[in-house]
Amino acid sequence: GGYFIWVKFPPTINADEFLSYSTENYGVRFMAGTKTNPFPNDEDDIIGTAIKSCARICFADLNRKDLRKGTETFVEAFQSYITTIE
């Protein structure tokens, strides 16, 4: 909700690792789902397991041109990233 959208990756994608890759190689940043886990120390953490493959993206301060460019770069970064883990 609010000024964020959630992206759910395939379960084999670790959003923390993709964040490192996308920031280093493409300058793309987002909040990895694990950073939003309300129960990070729970051993039976079903929520944490599910959101490790999610990203929260803020779009509050961007104009349409920057949103388009950011989306294109995010997709490009993801397409490149998945080739490195296959």
PDB file of N, CA and C in Angstrom:
ATOM      1  N   GLY A   1       0.822  -1.199   0.000  1.00  0.00           N
ATOM      2  CA  GLY A   1       0.000   0.000   0.000  1.00  0.00           C
ATOM      3  C   GLY A   1       0.850   1.241   0.000  1.00  0.00           C
ATOM      4  N   GLY A   2       0.227   2.354   0.049  1.00  0.00           N
ATOM      5  CA  GLY A   2       0.924   3.626   0.103  1.00  0.00           C
ATOM      6  C   GLY A   2       1.687   3.918  -1.174  1.00  0.00           C
ATOM      7  N   TYR A   3       2.912   4.339  -1.030  1.00  0.00           N
ATOM      8  CA  TYR A   3       3.756   4.690  -2.170  1.00  0.00           C
ATOM      9  C   TYR A   3       4.738   3.575  -2.514  1.00  0.00           C
ATOM     10  N   PHE A   4       4.315   2.362  -2.327  1.00  0.00           N
ATOM     11  CA  PHE A   4       5.172   1.213  -2.578  1.00  0.00           C
ATOM     12  C   PHE A   4       4.436   0.184  -3.415  1.00  0.00           C
ATOM     13  N   ILE A   5       5.196  -0.566  -4.170  1.00  0.00           N
ATOM     14  CA  ILE A   5       4.666  -1.769  -4.796  1.00  0.00           C
ATOM     15  C   ILE A   5       5.554  -2.921  -4.354  1.00  0.00           C
ATOM     16  N   TRP A   6       4.971  -4.096  -4.348  1.00  0.00           N
ATOM     17  CA  TRP A   6       5.711  -5.298  -4.005  1.00  0.00           C
ATOM     18  C   TRP A   6       5.919  -6.119  -5.259  1.00  0.00           C
ATOM     19  N   VAL A   7       7.119  -6.649  -5.402  1.00  0.00           N
ATOM     20  CA  VAL A   7       7.448  -7.550  -6.500  1.00  0.00           C
ATOM     21  C   VAL A   7       7.772  -8.898  -5.881  1.00  0.00           C
ATOM     22  N   LYS A   8       7.090  -9.924  -6.354  1.00  0.00           N
ATOM     23  CA  LYS A   8       7.356 -11.280  -5.867  1.00  0.00           C
ATOM     24  C   LYS A   8       8.143 -12.022  -6.942  1.00  0.00           C
ATOM     25  N   PHE A   9       9.363 -12.381  -6.596  1.00  0.00           N
ATOM     26  CA  PHE A   9      10.224 -13.130  -7.497  1.00  0.00           C
ATOM     27  C   PHE A   9       9.928 -14.623  -7.354  1.00  0.00           C
ATOM     28  N   PRO A  10      10.440 -15.436  -8.271  1.00  0.00           N
ATOM     29  CA  PRO A  10      10.336 -16.887  -8.070  1.00  0.00           C
ATOM     30  C   PRO A  10      11.004 -17.254  -6.738  1.00  0.00           C
ATOM     31  N   PRO A  11      10.553 -18.315  -6.089  1.00  0.00           N
ATOM     32  CA  PRO A  11      11.079 -18.668  -4.762  1.00  0.00           C
ATOM     33  C   PRO A  11      12.581 -18.954  -4.724  1.00  0.00           C
ATOM     34  N   THR A  12      13.186 -19.217  -5.862  1.00  0.00           N
ATOM     35  CA  THR A  12      14.626 -19.486  -5.886  1.00  0.00           C
ATOM     36  C   THR A  12      15.459 -18.210  -5.845  1.00  0.00           C
ATOM     37  N   ILE A  13      14.818 -17.061  -5.966  1.00  0.00           N
ATOM     38  CA  ILE A  13      15.534 -15.776  -5.953  1.00  0.00           C
ATOM     39  C   ILE A  13      15.608 -15.251  -4.529  1.00  0.00           C
ATOM     40  N   ASN A  14      16.811 -14.933  -4.099  1.00  0.00           N
ATOM     41  CA  ASN A  14      17.027 -14.300  -2.804  1.00  0.00           C
ATOM     42  C   ASN A  14      17.124 -12.799  -3.052  1.00  0.00           C
ATOM     43  N   ALA A  15      16.142 -12.048  -2.555  1.00  0.00           N
ATOM     44  CA  ALA A  15      16.079 -10.617  -2.827  1.00  0.00           C
ATOM     45  C   ALA A  15      17.287  -9.861  -2.277  1.00  0.00           C
ATOM     46  N   ASP A  16      17.836 -10.314  -1.142  1.00  0.00           N
ATOM     47  CA  ASP A  16      19.029  -9.654  -0.594  1.00  0.00           C
ATOM     48  C   ASP A  16      20.208  -9.768  -1.560  1.00  0.00           C
ATOM     49  N   GLU A  17      20.371 -10.948  -2.138  1.00  0.00           N
ATOM     50  CA  GLU A  17      21.463 -11.152  -3.090  1.00  0.00           C
ATOM     51  C   GLU A  17      21.224 -10.375  -4.380  1.00  0.00           C
ATOM     52  N   PHE A  18      19.983 -10.362  -4.841  1.00  0.00           N
ATOM     53  CA  PHE A  18      19.670  -9.577  -6.037  1.00  0.00           C
ATOM     54  C   PHE A  18      19.870  -8.086  -5.773  1.00  0.00           C
ATOM     55  N   LEU A  19      19.515  -7.618  -4.582  1.00  0.00           N
ATOM     56  CA  LEU A  19      19.730  -6.211  -4.228  1.00  0.00           C
ATOM     57  C   LEU A  19      21.209  -5.849  -4.336  1.00  0.00           C
ATOM     58  N   SER A  20      22.077  -6.681  -3.781  1.00  0.00           N
ATOM     59  CA  SER A  20      23.520  -6.413  -3.874  1.00  0.00           C
ATOM     60  C   SER A  20      23.967  -6.345  -5.331  1.00  0.00           C
ATOM     61  N   TYR A  21      23.515  -7.312  -6.109  1.00  0.00           N
ATOM     62  CA  TYR A  21      23.881  -7.371  -7.527  1.00  0.00           C
ATOM     63  C   TYR A  21      23.352  -6.139  -8.283  1.00  0.00           C
ATOM     64  N   SER A  22      22.094  -5.821  -8.084  1.00  0.00           N
ATOM     65  CA  SER A  22      21.494  -4.724  -8.855  1.00  0.00           C
ATOM     66  C   SER A  22      22.067  -3.370  -8.455  1.00  0.00           C
ATOM     67  N   THR A  23      22.393  -3.214  -7.177  1.00  0.00           N
ATOM     68  CA  THR A  23      22.987  -1.947  -6.734  1.00  0.00           C
ATOM     69  C   THR A  23      24.395  -1.789  -7.301  1.00  0.00           C
ATOM     70  N   GLU A  24      25.180  -2.839  -7.195  1.00  0.00           N
ATOM     71  CA  GLU A  24      26.570  -2.795  -7.648  1.00  0.00           C
ATOM     72  C   GLU A  24      26.686  -2.646  -9.167  1.00  0.00           C
ATOM     73  N   ASN A  25      25.850  -3.355  -9.902  1.00  0.00           N
ATOM     74  CA  ASN A  25      25.996  -3.401 -11.355  1.00  0.00           C
ATOM     75  C   ASN A  25      25.094  -2.446 -12.131  1.00  0.00           C
ATOM     76  N   TYR A  26      23.989  -2.011 -11.514  1.00  0.00           N
ATOM     77  CA  TYR A  26      23.029  -1.183 -12.247  1.00  0.00           C
ATOM     78  C   TYR A  26      22.608   0.078 -11.499  1.00  0.00           C
ATOM     79  N   GLY A  27      23.039   0.239 -10.266  1.00  0.00           N
ATOM     80  CA  GLY A  27      22.634   1.395  -9.477  1.00  0.00           C
ATOM     81  C   GLY A  27      21.165   1.346  -9.071  1.00  0.00           C
ATOM     82  N   VAL A  28      20.563   0.155  -9.117  1.00  0.00           N
ATOM     83  CA  VAL A  28      19.154  -0.022  -8.773  1.00  0.00           C
ATOM     84  C   VAL A  28      19.051  -0.454  -7.316  1.00  0.00           C
ATOM     85  N   ARG A  29      18.263   0.299  -6.550  1.00  0.00           N
ATOM     86  CA  ARG A  29      18.071  -0.021  -5.139  1.00  0.00           C
ATOM     87  C   ARG A  29      16.593  -0.250  -4.860  1.00  0.00           C
ATOM     88  N   PHE A  30      16.337  -1.101  -3.906  1.00  0.00           N
ATOM     89  CA  PHE A  30      14.988  -1.352  -3.426  1.00  0.00           C
ATOM     90  C   PHE A  30      15.119  -1.927  -2.024  1.00  0.00           C
ATOM     91  N   MET A  31      14.018  -2.131  -1.357  1.00  0.00           N
ATOM     92  CA  MET A  31      14.078  -2.750  -0.039  1.00  0.00           C
ATOM     93  C   MET A  31      13.790  -4.236  -0.199  1.00  0.00           C
ATOM     94  N   ALA A  32      14.734  -5.048   0.215  1.00  0.00           N
ATOM     95  CA  ALA A  32      14.532  -6.497   0.170  1.00  0.00           C
ATOM     96  C   ALA A  32      13.464  -6.870   1.194  1.00  0.00           C
ATOM     97  N   GLY A  33      12.651  -7.840   0.837  1.00  0.00           N
ATOM     98  CA  GLY A  33      11.553  -8.252   1.704  1.00  0.00           C
ATOM     99  C   GLY A  33      11.985  -8.640   3.101  1.00  0.00           C
ATOM    100  N   THR A  34      13.167  -9.206   3.242  1.00  0.00           N
ATOM    101  CA  THR A  34      13.634  -9.633   4.564  1.00  0.00           C
ATOM    102  C   THR A  34      13.745  -8.461   5.535  1.00  0.00           C
ATOM    103  N   LYS A  35      13.931  -7.270   5.018  1.00  0.00           N
ATOM    104  CA  LYS A  35      14.041  -6.084   5.883  1.00  0.00           C
ATOM    105  C   LYS A  35      12.694  -5.668   6.456  1.00  0.00           C
ATOM    106  N   THR A  36      11.607  -6.231   5.936  1.00  0.00           N
ATOM    107  CA  THR A  36      10.270  -5.873   6.409  1.00  0.00           C
ATOM    108  C   THR A  36       9.641  -6.963   7.265  1.00  0.00           C
ATOM    109  N   ASN A  37      10.388  -8.016   7.546  1.00  0.00           N
ATOM    110  CA  ASN A  37       9.863  -9.150   8.302  1.00  0.00           C
ATOM    111  C   ASN A  37       9.593  -8.746   9.753  1.00  0.00           C
ATOM    112  N   PRO A  38       8.332  -8.838  10.204  1.00  0.00           N
ATOM    113  CA  PRO A  38       8.033  -8.448  11.582  1.00  0.00           C
ATOM    114  C   PRO A  38       8.502  -9.464  12.630  1.00  0.00           C
ATOM    115  N   PHE A  39       8.894 -10.665  12.192  1.00  0.00           N
ATOM    116  CA  PHE A  39       9.323 -11.718  13.117  1.00  0.00           C
ATOM    117  C   PHE A  39      10.653 -12.326  12.665  1.00  0.00           C
ATOM    118  N   PRO A  40      11.717 -11.538  12.574  1.00  0.00           N
ATOM    119  CA  PRO A  40      12.968 -12.051  12.004  1.00  0.00           C
ATOM    120  C   PRO A  40      13.645 -13.150  12.814  1.00  0.00           C
ATOM    121  N   ASN A  41      13.319 -13.300  14.073  1.00  0.00           N
ATOM    122  CA  ASN A  41      13.998 -14.300  14.904  1.00  0.00           C
ATOM    123  C   ASN A  41      13.148 -15.534  15.184  1.00  0.00           C
ATOM    124  N   ASP A  42      12.000 -15.627  14.547  1.00  0.00           N
ATOM    125  CA  ASP A  42      11.102 -16.761  14.746  1.00  0.00           C
ATOM    126  C   ASP A  42      11.599 -17.956  13.938  1.00  0.00           C
ATOM    127  N   GLU A  43      11.817 -19.087  14.601  1.00  0.00           N
ATOM    128  CA  GLU A  43      12.343 -20.268  13.911  1.00  0.00           C
ATOM    129  C   GLU A  43      11.374 -20.819  12.865  1.00  0.00           C
ATOM    130  N   ASP A  44      10.089 -20.757  13.124  1.00  0.00           N
ATOM    131  CA  ASP A  44       9.082 -21.230  12.176  1.00  0.00           C
ATOM    132  C   ASP A  44       8.515 -20.043  11.401  1.00  0.00           C
ATOM    133  N   ASP A  45       9.378 -19.282  10.823  1.00  0.00           N
ATOM    134  CA  ASP A  45       9.008 -18.020  10.185  1.00  0.00           C
ATOM    135  C   ASP A  45       8.542 -18.230   8.746  1.00  0.00           C
ATOM    136  N   ILE A  46       7.283 -18.542   8.574  1.00  0.00           N
ATOM    137  CA  ILE A  46       6.719 -18.738   7.234  1.00  0.00           C
ATOM    138  C   ILE A  46       6.731 -17.419   6.465  1.00  0.00           C
ATOM    139  N   ILE A  47       6.440 -16.329   7.163  1.00  0.00           N
ATOM    140  CA  ILE A  47       6.434 -15.010   6.510  1.00  0.00           C
ATOM    141  C   ILE A  47       7.821 -14.685   5.970  1.00  0.00           C
ATOM    142  N   GLY A  48       8.842 -14.862   6.791  1.00  0.00           N
ATOM    143  CA  GLY A  48      10.210 -14.561   6.370  1.00  0.00           C
ATOM    144  C   GLY A  48      10.666 -15.410   5.208  1.00  0.00           C
ATOM    145  N   THR A  49      10.251 -16.666   5.205  1.00  0.00           N
ATOM    146  CA  THR A  49      10.594 -17.553   4.099  1.00  0.00           C
ATOM    147  C   THR A  49       9.964 -17.057   2.809  1.00  0.00           C
ATOM    148  N   ALA A  50       8.731 -16.594   2.886  1.00  0.00           N
ATOM    149  CA  ALA A  50       8.027 -16.119   1.696  1.00  0.00           C
ATOM    150  C   ALA A  50       8.578 -14.782   1.203  1.00  0.00           C
ATOM    151  N   ILE A  51       8.868 -13.867   2.123  1.00  0.00           N
ATOM    152  CA  ILE A  51       9.269 -12.538   1.666  1.00  0.00           C
ATOM    153  C   ILE A  51      10.750 -12.424   1.319  1.00  0.00           C
ATOM    154  N   LYS A  52      11.518 -13.480   1.545  1.00  0.00           N
ATOM    155  CA  LYS A  52      12.920 -13.420   1.126  1.00  0.00           C
ATOM    156  C   LYS A  52      13.031 -13.318  -0.396  1.00  0.00           C
ATOM    157  N   SER A  53      11.958 -13.659  -1.081  1.00  0.00           N
ATOM    158  CA  SER A  53      11.931 -13.580  -2.545  1.00  0.00           C
ATOM    159  C   SER A  53      11.073 -12.415  -3.026  1.00  0.00           C
ATOM    160  N   CYS A  54      10.984 -11.375  -2.205  1.00  0.00           N
ATOM    161  CA  CYS A  54      10.169 -10.205  -2.562  1.00  0.00           C
ATOM    162  C   CYS A  54      10.990  -8.922  -2.456  1.00  0.00           C
ATOM    163  N   ALA A  55      10.535  -7.924  -3.178  1.00  0.00           N
ATOM    164  CA  ALA A  55      11.140  -6.593  -3.107  1.00  0.00           C
ATOM    165  C   ALA A  55      10.042  -5.563  -2.900  1.00  0.00           C
ATOM    166  N   ARG A  56      10.320  -4.572  -2.084  1.00  0.00           N
ATOM    167  CA  ARG A  56       9.398  -3.444  -1.909  1.00  0.00           C
ATOM    168  C   ARG A  56      10.029  -2.243  -2.598  1.00  0.00           C
ATOM    169  N   ILE A  57       9.295  -1.671  -3.520  1.00  0.00           N
ATOM    170  CA  ILE A  57       9.814  -0.572  -4.326  1.00  0.00           C
ATOM    171  C   ILE A  57       9.004   0.687  -4.063  1.00  0.00           C
ATOM    172  N   CYS A  58       9.692   1.750  -3.720  1.00  0.00           N
ATOM    173  CA  CYS A  58       9.046   3.037  -3.472  1.00  0.00           C
ATOM    174  C   CYS A  58       9.021   3.849  -4.769  1.00  0.00           C
ATOM    175  N   PHE A  59       7.882   4.471  -5.034  1.00  0.00           N
ATOM    176  CA  PHE A  59       7.785   5.315  -6.224  1.00  0.00           C
ATOM    177  C   PHE A  59       7.285   6.711  -5.886  1.00  0.00           C
ATOM    178  N   ALA A  60       7.375   7.116  -4.633  1.00  0.00           N
ATOM    179  CA  ALA A  60       6.800   8.375  -4.157  1.00  0.00           C
ATOM    180  C   ALA A  60       7.433   9.623  -4.765  1.00  0.00           C
ATOM    181  N   ASP A  61       8.725   9.644  -4.929  1.00  0.00           N
ATOM    182  CA  ASP A  61       9.411  10.880  -5.312  1.00  0.00           C
ATOM    183  C   ASP A  61       9.872  10.919  -6.767  1.00  0.00           C
ATOM    184  N   LEU A  62       9.288  10.088  -7.622  1.00  0.00           N
ATOM    185  CA  LEU A  62       9.761  10.008  -8.996  1.00  0.00           C
ATOM    186  C   LEU A  62       8.718  10.525  -9.983  1.00  0.00           C
ATOM    187  N   ASN A  63       9.207  11.197 -10.996  1.00  0.00           N
ATOM    188  CA  ASN A  63       8.300  11.617 -12.060  1.00  0.00           C
ATOM    189  C   ASN A  63       8.139  10.466 -13.055  1.00  0.00           C
ATOM    190  N   ARG A  64       7.263  10.641 -14.002  1.00  0.00           N
ATOM    191  CA  ARG A  64       6.945   9.562 -14.944  1.00  0.00           C
ATOM    192  C   ARG A  64       8.172   9.088 -15.728  1.00  0.00           C
ATOM    193  N   LYS A  65       9.008  10.030 -16.164  1.00  0.00           N
ATOM    194  CA  LYS A  65      10.209   9.672 -16.925  1.00  0.00           C
ATOM    195  C   LYS A  65      11.159   8.822 -16.078  1.00  0.00           C
ATOM    196  N   ASP A  66      11.369   9.228 -14.832  1.00  0.00           N
ATOM    197  CA  ASP A  66      12.259   8.479 -13.939  1.00  0.00           C
ATOM    198  C   ASP A  66      11.666   7.117 -13.574  1.00  0.00           C
ATOM    199  N   LEU A  67      10.344   7.054 -13.415  1.00  0.00           N
ATOM    200  CA  LEU A  67       9.691   5.768 -13.146  1.00  0.00           C
ATOM    201  C   LEU A  67       9.897   4.801 -14.298  1.00  0.00           C
ATOM    202  N   ARG A  68       9.732   5.306 -15.506  1.00  0.00           N
ATOM    203  CA  ARG A  68       9.907   4.451 -16.686  1.00  0.00           C
ATOM    204  C   ARG A  68      11.345   3.955 -16.774  1.00  0.00           C
ATOM    205  N   LYS A  69      12.307   4.859 -16.615  1.00  0.00           N
ATOM    206  CA  LYS A  69      13.713   4.488 -16.698  1.00  0.00           C
ATOM    207  C   LYS A  69      14.086   3.525 -15.568  1.00  0.00           C
ATOM    208  N   GLY A  70      13.596   3.795 -14.372  1.00  0.00           N
ATOM    209  CA  GLY A  70      13.886   2.921 -13.248  1.00  0.00           C
ATOM    210  C   GLY A  70      13.319   1.525 -13.445  1.00  0.00           C
ATOM    211  N   THR A  71      12.113   1.455 -13.988  1.00  0.00           N
ATOM    212  CA  THR A  71      11.493   0.158 -14.251  1.00  0.00           C
ATOM    213  C   THR A  71      12.279  -0.609 -15.301  1.00  0.00           C
ATOM    214  N   GLU A  72      12.667   0.074 -16.360  1.00  0.00           N
ATOM    215  CA  GLU A  72      13.445  -0.584 -17.415  1.00  0.00           C
ATOM    216  C   GLU A  72      14.770  -1.101 -16.870  1.00  0.00           C
ATOM    217  N   THR A  73      15.421  -0.307 -16.043  1.00  0.00           N
ATOM    218  CA  THR A  73      16.708  -0.711 -15.479  1.00  0.00           C
ATOM    219  C   THR A  73      16.540  -1.851 -14.485  1.00  0.00           C
ATOM    220  N   PHE A  74      15.469  -1.819 -13.690  1.00  0.00           N
ATOM    221  CA  PHE A  74      15.182  -2.903 -12.755  1.00  0.00           C
ATOM    222  C   PHE A  74      15.001  -4.220 -13.504  1.00  0.00           C
ATOM    223  N   VAL A  75      14.234  -4.193 -14.574  1.00  0.00           N
ATOM    224  CA  VAL A  75      14.000  -5.403 -15.375  1.00  0.00           C
ATOM    225  C   VAL A  75      15.311  -5.876 -16.006  1.00  0.00           C
ATOM    226  N   GLU A  76      16.082  -4.946 -16.538  1.00  0.00           N
ATOM    227  CA  GLU A  76      17.374  -5.308 -17.135  1.00  0.00           C
ATOM    228  C   GLU A  76      18.286  -5.946 -16.087  1.00  0.00           C
ATOM    229  N   ALA A  77      18.327  -5.366 -14.892  1.00  0.00           N
ATOM    230  CA  ALA A  77      19.154  -5.919 -13.821  1.00  0.00           C
ATOM    231  C   ALA A  77      18.690  -7.322 -13.449  1.00  0.00           C
ATOM    232  N   PHE A  78      17.383  -7.522 -13.365  1.00  0.00           N
ATOM    233  CA  PHE A  78      16.864  -8.842 -13.003  1.00  0.00           C
ATOM    234  C   PHE A  78      17.179  -9.875 -14.083  1.00  0.00           C
ATOM    235  N   GLN A  79      16.991  -9.502 -15.329  1.00  0.00           N
ATOM    236  CA  GLN A  79      17.297 -10.431 -16.419  1.00  0.00           C
ATOM    237  C   GLN A  79      18.768 -10.818 -16.419  1.00  0.00           C
ATOM    238  N   SER A  80      19.626  -9.860 -16.138  1.00  0.00           N
ATOM    239  CA  SER A  80      21.050 -10.150 -16.060  1.00  0.00           C
ATOM    240  C   SER A  80      21.361 -11.032 -14.846  1.00  0.00           C
ATOM    241  N   TYR A  81      20.752 -10.702 -13.715  1.00  0.00           N
ATOM    242  CA  TYR A  81      21.004 -11.453 -12.482  1.00  0.00           C
ATOM    243  C   TYR A  81      20.641 -12.924 -12.636  1.00  0.00           C
ATOM    244  N   ILE A  82      19.504 -13.217 -13.214  1.00  0.00           N
ATOM    245  CA  ILE A  82      19.097 -14.625 -13.293  1.00  0.00           C
ATOM    246  C   ILE A  82      20.031 -15.447 -14.157  1.00  0.00           C
ATOM    247  N   THR A  83      20.738 -14.806 -15.089  1.00  0.00           N
ATOM    248  CA  THR A  83      21.716 -15.566 -15.873  1.00  0.00           C
ATOM    249  C   THR A  83      22.938 -15.933 -15.046  1.00  0.00           C
ATOM    250  N   THR A  84      23.177 -15.191 -13.962  1.00  0.00           N
ATOM    251  CA  THR A  84      24.351 -15.475 -13.124  1.00  0.00           C
ATOM    252  C   THR A  84      24.084 -16.601 -12.125  1.00  0.00           C
ATOM    253  N   ILE A  85      22.820 -16.935 -11.883  1.00  0.00           N
ATOM    254  CA  ILE A  85      22.517 -17.949 -10.882  1.00  0.00           C
ATOM    255  C   ILE A  85      22.014 -19.252 -11.498  1.00  0.00           C
ATOM    256  N   GLU A  86      21.862 -19.291 -12.804  1.00  0.00           N
ATOM    257  CA  GLU A  86      21.371 -20.502 -13.454  1.00  0.00           C
ATOM    258  C   GLU A  86      22.485 -21.512 -13.645  1.00  0.00           C
TER     259      GLU A  86
END
